[in-house]
Amino acid sequence: MESLTQDLLGYWPLAGDGRDHSGREHHGRPHRVAFGITGPNGRPGRAAAFNGTDACI
């Protein structure tokens, strides 16, 4: 597990913003991304929706 965090470039949980939560500050700027979407585990606000054409972070 240590090698995973050592080699990690960033961690973006998509829980409301495009911020990097790894501590490395590789923050992104959301463009046409809908945050607050219900995640795969059924918890609201734990995912993001991309429109498939020009949405990005």
PDB file of N, CA and C in Angstrom:
ATOM      1  N   MET A   1       0.819  -1.185   0.000  1.00  0.00           N
ATOM      2  CA  MET A   1       0.000   0.000   0.000  1.00  0.00           C
ATOM      3  C   MET A   1       0.867   1.255   0.000  1.00  0.00           C
ATOM      4  N   GLU A   2       2.019   1.185   0.616  1.00  0.00           N
ATOM      5  CA  GLU A   2       2.898   2.358   0.657  1.00  0.00           C
ATOM      6  C   GLU A   2       3.328   2.782  -0.739  1.00  0.00           C
ATOM      7  N   SER A   3       3.619   1.827  -1.633  1.00  0.00           N
ATOM      8  CA  SER A   3       4.030   2.188  -2.990  1.00  0.00           C
ATOM      9  C   SER A   3       2.892   2.867  -3.754  1.00  0.00           C
ATOM     10  N   LEU A   4       1.652   2.522  -3.429  1.00  0.00           N
ATOM     11  CA  LEU A   4       0.515   3.158  -4.082  1.00  0.00           C
ATOM     12  C   LEU A   4       0.483   4.646  -3.749  1.00  0.00           C
ATOM     13  N   THR A   5       0.608   4.997  -2.494  1.00  0.00           N
ATOM     14  CA  THR A   5       0.572   6.406  -2.114  1.00  0.00           C
ATOM     15  C   THR A   5       1.841   7.130  -2.530  1.00  0.00           C
ATOM     16  N   GLN A   6       2.957   6.436  -2.574  1.00  0.00           N
ATOM     17  CA  GLN A   6       4.215   7.043  -2.995  1.00  0.00           C
ATOM     18  C   GLN A   6       4.163   7.430  -4.468  1.00  0.00           C
ATOM     19  N   ASP A   7       3.565   6.598  -5.309  1.00  0.00           N
ATOM     20  CA  ASP A   7       3.503   6.832  -6.748  1.00  0.00           C
ATOM     21  C   ASP A   7       2.232   7.559  -7.184  1.00  0.00           C
ATOM     22  N   LEU A   8       1.359   7.862  -6.251  1.00  0.00           N
ATOM     23  CA  LEU A   8       0.092   8.512  -6.555  1.00  0.00           C
ATOM     24  C   LEU A   8       0.326   9.927  -7.068  1.00  0.00           C
ATOM     25  N   LEU A   9      -0.258  10.257  -8.220  1.00  0.00           N
ATOM     26  CA  LEU A   9      -0.147  11.605  -8.769  1.00  0.00           C
ATOM     27  C   LEU A   9      -1.184  12.535  -8.177  1.00  0.00           C
ATOM     28  N   GLY A  10      -2.363  12.014  -7.896  1.00  0.00           N
ATOM     29  CA  GLY A  10      -3.432  12.816  -7.338  1.00  0.00           C
ATOM     30  C   GLY A  10      -4.612  11.943  -7.006  1.00  0.00           C
ATOM     31  N   TYR A  11      -5.518  12.492  -6.210  1.00  0.00           N
ATOM     32  CA  TYR A  11      -6.733  11.775  -5.836  1.00  0.00           C
ATOM     33  C   TYR A  11      -7.896  12.746  -5.942  1.00  0.00           C
ATOM     34  N   TRP A  12      -8.786  12.477  -6.880  1.00  0.00           N
ATOM     35  CA  TRP A  12      -9.939  13.314  -7.138  1.00  0.00           C
ATOM     36  C   TRP A  12     -11.211  12.501  -6.859  1.00  0.00           C
ATOM     37  N   PRO A  13     -11.788  12.624  -5.663  1.00  0.00           N
ATOM     38  CA  PRO A  13     -12.968  11.824  -5.338  1.00  0.00           C
ATOM     39  C   PRO A  13     -14.250  12.297  -6.022  1.00  0.00           C
ATOM     40  N   LEU A  14     -14.214  13.435  -6.703  1.00  0.00           N
ATOM     41  CA  LEU A  14     -15.374  13.972  -7.432  1.00  0.00           C
ATOM     42  C   LEU A  14     -16.562  14.198  -6.508  1.00  0.00           C
ATOM     43  N   ALA A  15     -16.287  14.579  -5.284  1.00  0.00           N
ATOM     44  CA  ALA A  15     -17.339  14.799  -4.290  1.00  0.00           C
ATOM     45  C   ALA A  15     -17.609  16.290  -4.115  1.00  0.00           C
ATOM     46  N   GLY A  16     -17.881  16.972  -5.216  1.00  0.00           N
ATOM     47  CA  GLY A  16     -18.264  18.365  -5.124  1.00  0.00           C
ATOM     48  C   GLY A  16     -17.303  19.358  -5.732  1.00  0.00           C
ATOM     49  N   ASP A  17     -16.134  18.898  -6.138  1.00  0.00           N
ATOM     50  CA  ASP A  17     -15.171  19.821  -6.730  1.00  0.00           C
ATOM     51  C   ASP A  17     -14.100  19.059  -7.510  1.00  0.00           C
ATOM     52  N   GLY A  18     -13.184  19.778  -8.100  1.00  0.00           N
ATOM     53  CA  GLY A  18     -12.091  19.171  -8.858  1.00  0.00           C
ATOM     54  C   GLY A  18     -10.768  19.222  -8.111  1.00  0.00           C
ATOM     55  N   ARG A  19     -10.860  19.354  -6.786  1.00  0.00           N
ATOM     56  CA  ARG A  19      -9.636  19.461  -5.985  1.00  0.00           C
ATOM     57  C   ARG A  19      -8.944  18.114  -5.825  1.00  0.00           C
ATOM     58  N   ASP A  20      -7.635  18.157  -5.820  1.00  0.00           N
ATOM     59  CA  ASP A  20      -6.794  16.987  -5.570  1.00  0.00           C
ATOM     60  C   ASP A  20      -6.696  16.805  -4.062  1.00  0.00           C
ATOM     61  N   HIS A  21      -7.190  15.680  -3.569  1.00  0.00           N
ATOM     62  CA  HIS A  21      -7.182  15.409  -2.135  1.00  0.00           C
ATOM     63  C   HIS A  21      -5.995  14.558  -1.708  1.00  0.00           C
ATOM     64  N   SER A  22      -4.989  14.425  -2.573  1.00  0.00           N
ATOM     65  CA  SER A  22      -3.809  13.630  -2.227  1.00  0.00           C
ATOM     66  C   SER A  22      -2.790  14.430  -1.426  1.00  0.00           C
ATOM     67  N   GLY A  23      -2.946  15.741  -1.412  1.00  0.00           N
ATOM     68  CA  GLY A  23      -1.949  16.581  -0.756  1.00  0.00           C
ATOM     69  C   GLY A  23      -0.906  17.122  -1.717  1.00  0.00           C
ATOM     70  N   ARG A  24      -0.969  16.694  -2.971  1.00  0.00           N
ATOM     71  CA  ARG A  24       0.007  17.143  -3.970  1.00  0.00           C
ATOM     72  C   ARG A  24      -0.448  18.395  -4.721  1.00  0.00           C
ATOM     73  N   GLU A  25      -1.683  18.811  -4.468  1.00  0.00           N
ATOM     74  CA  GLU A  25      -2.244  20.045  -5.013  1.00  0.00           C
ATOM     75  C   GLU A  25      -2.301  20.106  -6.543  1.00  0.00           C
ATOM     76  N   HIS A  26      -2.630  18.977  -7.174  1.00  0.00           N
ATOM     77  CA  HIS A  26      -2.860  18.938  -8.618  1.00  0.00           C
ATOM     78  C   HIS A  26      -4.350  19.174  -8.878  1.00  0.00           C
ATOM     79  N   HIS A  27      -4.832  20.341  -8.459  1.00  0.00           N
ATOM     80  CA  HIS A  27      -6.250  20.663  -8.567  1.00  0.00           C
ATOM     81  C   HIS A  27      -6.646  20.876 -10.026  1.00  0.00           C
ATOM     82  N   GLY A  28      -7.879  20.511 -10.326  1.00  0.00           N
ATOM     83  CA  GLY A  28      -8.414  20.712 -11.662  1.00  0.00           C
ATOM     84  C   GLY A  28      -9.516  21.754 -11.647  1.00  0.00           C
ATOM     85  N   ARG A  29      -9.817  22.280 -12.824  1.00  0.00           N
ATOM     86  CA  ARG A  29     -10.927  23.230 -12.983  1.00  0.00           C
ATOM     87  C   ARG A  29     -12.058  22.518 -13.706  1.00  0.00           C
ATOM     88  N   PRO A  30     -13.166  22.300 -13.014  1.00  0.00           N
ATOM     89  CA  PRO A  30     -14.301  21.640 -13.665  1.00  0.00           C
ATOM     90  C   PRO A  30     -14.907  22.524 -14.757  1.00  0.00           C
ATOM     91  N   HIS A  31     -15.240  21.916 -15.861  1.00  0.00           N
ATOM     92  CA  HIS A  31     -15.888  22.599 -16.980  1.00  0.00           C
ATOM     93  C   HIS A  31     -17.088  21.763 -17.396  1.00  0.00           C
ATOM     94  N   ARG A  32     -18.280  22.286 -17.175  1.00  0.00           N
ATOM     95  CA  ARG A  32     -19.542  21.606 -17.523  1.00  0.00           C
ATOM     96  C   ARG A  32     -19.710  20.252 -16.823  1.00  0.00           C
ATOM     97  N   VAL A  33     -19.241  20.162 -15.582  1.00  0.00           N
ATOM     98  CA  VAL A  33     -19.367  18.945 -14.785  1.00  0.00           C
ATOM     99  C   VAL A  33     -20.463  19.156 -13.750  1.00  0.00           C
ATOM    100  N   ALA A  34     -21.350  18.182 -13.610  1.00  0.00           N
ATOM    101  CA  ALA A  34     -22.414  18.249 -12.611  1.00  0.00           C
ATOM    102  C   ALA A  34     -21.999  17.440 -11.391  1.00  0.00           C
ATOM    103  N   PHE A  35     -21.723  18.132 -10.290  1.00  0.00           N
ATOM    104  CA  PHE A  35     -21.376  17.456  -9.042  1.00  0.00           C
ATOM    105  C   PHE A  35     -22.647  17.226  -8.229  1.00  0.00           C
ATOM    106  N   GLY A  36     -22.551  16.434  -7.198  1.00  0.00           N
ATOM    107  CA  GLY A  36     -23.694  16.163  -6.336  1.00  0.00           C
ATOM    108  C   GLY A  36     -24.532  14.993  -6.802  1.00  0.00           C
ATOM    109  N   ILE A  37     -24.004  14.221  -7.717  1.00  0.00           N
ATOM    110  CA  ILE A  37     -24.705  13.053  -8.260  1.00  0.00           C
ATOM    111  C   ILE A  37     -24.579  11.900  -7.259  1.00  0.00           C
ATOM    112  N   THR A  38     -25.595  11.063  -7.187  1.00  0.00           N
ATOM    113  CA  THR A  38     -25.542   9.898  -6.312  1.00  0.00           C
ATOM    114  C   THR A  38     -24.464   8.944  -6.799  1.00  0.00           C
ATOM    115  N   GLY A  39     -23.602   8.519  -5.887  1.00  0.00           N
ATOM    116  CA  GLY A  39     -22.488   7.638  -6.220  1.00  0.00           C
ATOM    117  C   GLY A  39     -22.903   6.191  -6.384  1.00  0.00           C
ATOM    118  N   PRO A  40     -21.961   5.330  -6.754  1.00  0.00           N
ATOM    119  CA  PRO A  40     -22.263   3.922  -7.009  1.00  0.00           C
ATOM    120  C   PRO A  40     -22.745   3.177  -5.762  1.00  0.00           C
ATOM    121  N   ASN A  41     -22.434   3.708  -4.584  1.00  0.00           N
ATOM    122  CA  ASN A  41     -22.877   3.060  -3.356  1.00  0.00           C
ATOM    123  C   ASN A  41     -24.222   3.597  -2.868  1.00  0.00           C
ATOM    124  N   GLY A  42     -24.860   4.476  -3.662  1.00  0.00           N
ATOM    125  CA  GLY A  42     -26.155   5.022  -3.326  1.00  0.00           C
ATOM    126  C   GLY A  42     -26.119   6.260  -2.456  1.00  0.00           C
ATOM    127  N   ARG A  43     -24.934   6.712  -2.099  1.00  0.00           N
ATOM    128  CA  ARG A  43     -24.811   7.911  -1.266  1.00  0.00           C
ATOM    129  C   ARG A  43     -24.813   9.157  -2.141  1.00  0.00           C
ATOM    130  N   PRO A  44     -25.686  10.114  -1.848  1.00  0.00           N
ATOM    131  CA  PRO A  44     -25.748  11.341  -2.655  1.00  0.00           C
ATOM    132  C   PRO A  44     -24.493  12.189  -2.495  1.00  0.00           C
ATOM    133  N   GLY A  45     -24.147  12.889  -3.569  1.00  0.00           N
ATOM    134  CA  GLY A  45     -23.010  13.801  -3.530  1.00  0.00           C
ATOM    135  C   GLY A  45     -21.654  13.139  -3.602  1.00  0.00           C
ATOM    136  N   ARG A  46     -21.595  11.908  -4.063  1.00  0.00           N
ATOM    137  CA  ARG A  46     -20.325  11.177  -4.108  1.00  0.00           C
ATOM    138  C   ARG A  46     -19.860  10.839  -5.511  1.00  0.00           C
ATOM    139  N   ALA A  47     -20.374  11.579  -6.495  1.00  0.00           N
ATOM    140  CA  ALA A  47     -20.000  11.308  -7.887  1.00  0.00           C
ATOM    141  C   ALA A  47     -20.185  12.580  -8.700  1.00  0.00           C
ATOM    142  N   ALA A  48     -19.787  12.520  -9.946  1.00  0.00           N
ATOM    143  CA  ALA A  48     -19.938  13.645 -10.877  1.00  0.00           C
ATOM    144  C   ALA A  48     -20.434  13.109 -12.210  1.00  0.00           C
ATOM    145  N   ALA A  49     -21.155  13.944 -12.931  1.00  0.00           N
ATOM    146  CA  ALA A  49     -21.670  13.554 -14.248  1.00  0.00           C
ATOM    147  C   ALA A  49     -20.974  14.399 -15.317  1.00  0.00           C
ATOM    148  N   PHE A  50     -20.464  13.717 -16.331  1.00  0.00           N
ATOM    149  CA  PHE A  50     -19.828  14.352 -17.472  1.00  0.00           C
ATOM    150  C   PHE A  50     -20.750  14.169 -18.672  1.00  0.00           C
ATOM    151  N   ASN A  51     -20.903  15.192 -19.500  1.00  0.00           N
ATOM    152  CA  ASN A  51     -21.886  15.137 -20.589  1.00  0.00           C
ATOM    153  C   ASN A  51     -21.454  14.306 -21.791  1.00  0.00           C
ATOM    154  N   GLY A  52     -20.232  13.839 -21.836  1.00  0.00           N
ATOM    155  CA  GLY A  52     -19.792  12.990 -22.930  1.00  0.00           C
ATOM    156  C   GLY A  52     -19.279  13.734 -24.149  1.00  0.00           C
ATOM    157  N   THR A  53     -19.327  15.055 -24.123  1.00  0.00           N
ATOM    158  CA  THR A  53     -18.832  15.815 -25.268  1.00  0.00           C
ATOM    159  C   THR A  53     -17.749  16.807 -24.885  1.00  0.00           C
ATOM    160  N   ASP A  54     -18.055  17.726 -23.963  1.00  0.00           N
ATOM    161  CA  ASP A  54     -17.047  18.732 -23.637  1.00  0.00           C
ATOM    162  C   ASP A  54     -16.852  18.962 -22.148  1.00  0.00           C
ATOM    163  N   ALA A  55     -17.400  18.106 -21.306  1.00  0.00           N
ATOM    164  CA  ALA A  55     -17.179  18.212 -19.869  1.00  0.00           C
ATOM    165  C   ALA A  55     -15.811  17.641 -19.520  1.00  0.00           C
ATOM    166  N   CYS A  56     -15.123  18.315 -18.621  1.00  0.00           N
ATOM    167  CA  CYS A  56     -13.782  17.827 -18.227  1.00  0.00           C
ATOM    168  C   CYS A  56     -13.372  18.499 -16.928  1.00  0.00           C
ATOM    169  N   ILE A  57     -12.321  17.978 -16.350  1.00  0.00           N
ATOM    170  CA  ILE A  57     -11.694  18.598 -15.187  1.00  0.00           C
ATOM    171  C   ILE A  57     -10.214  18.726 -15.508  1.00  0.00           C
TER     172      ILE A  57
END
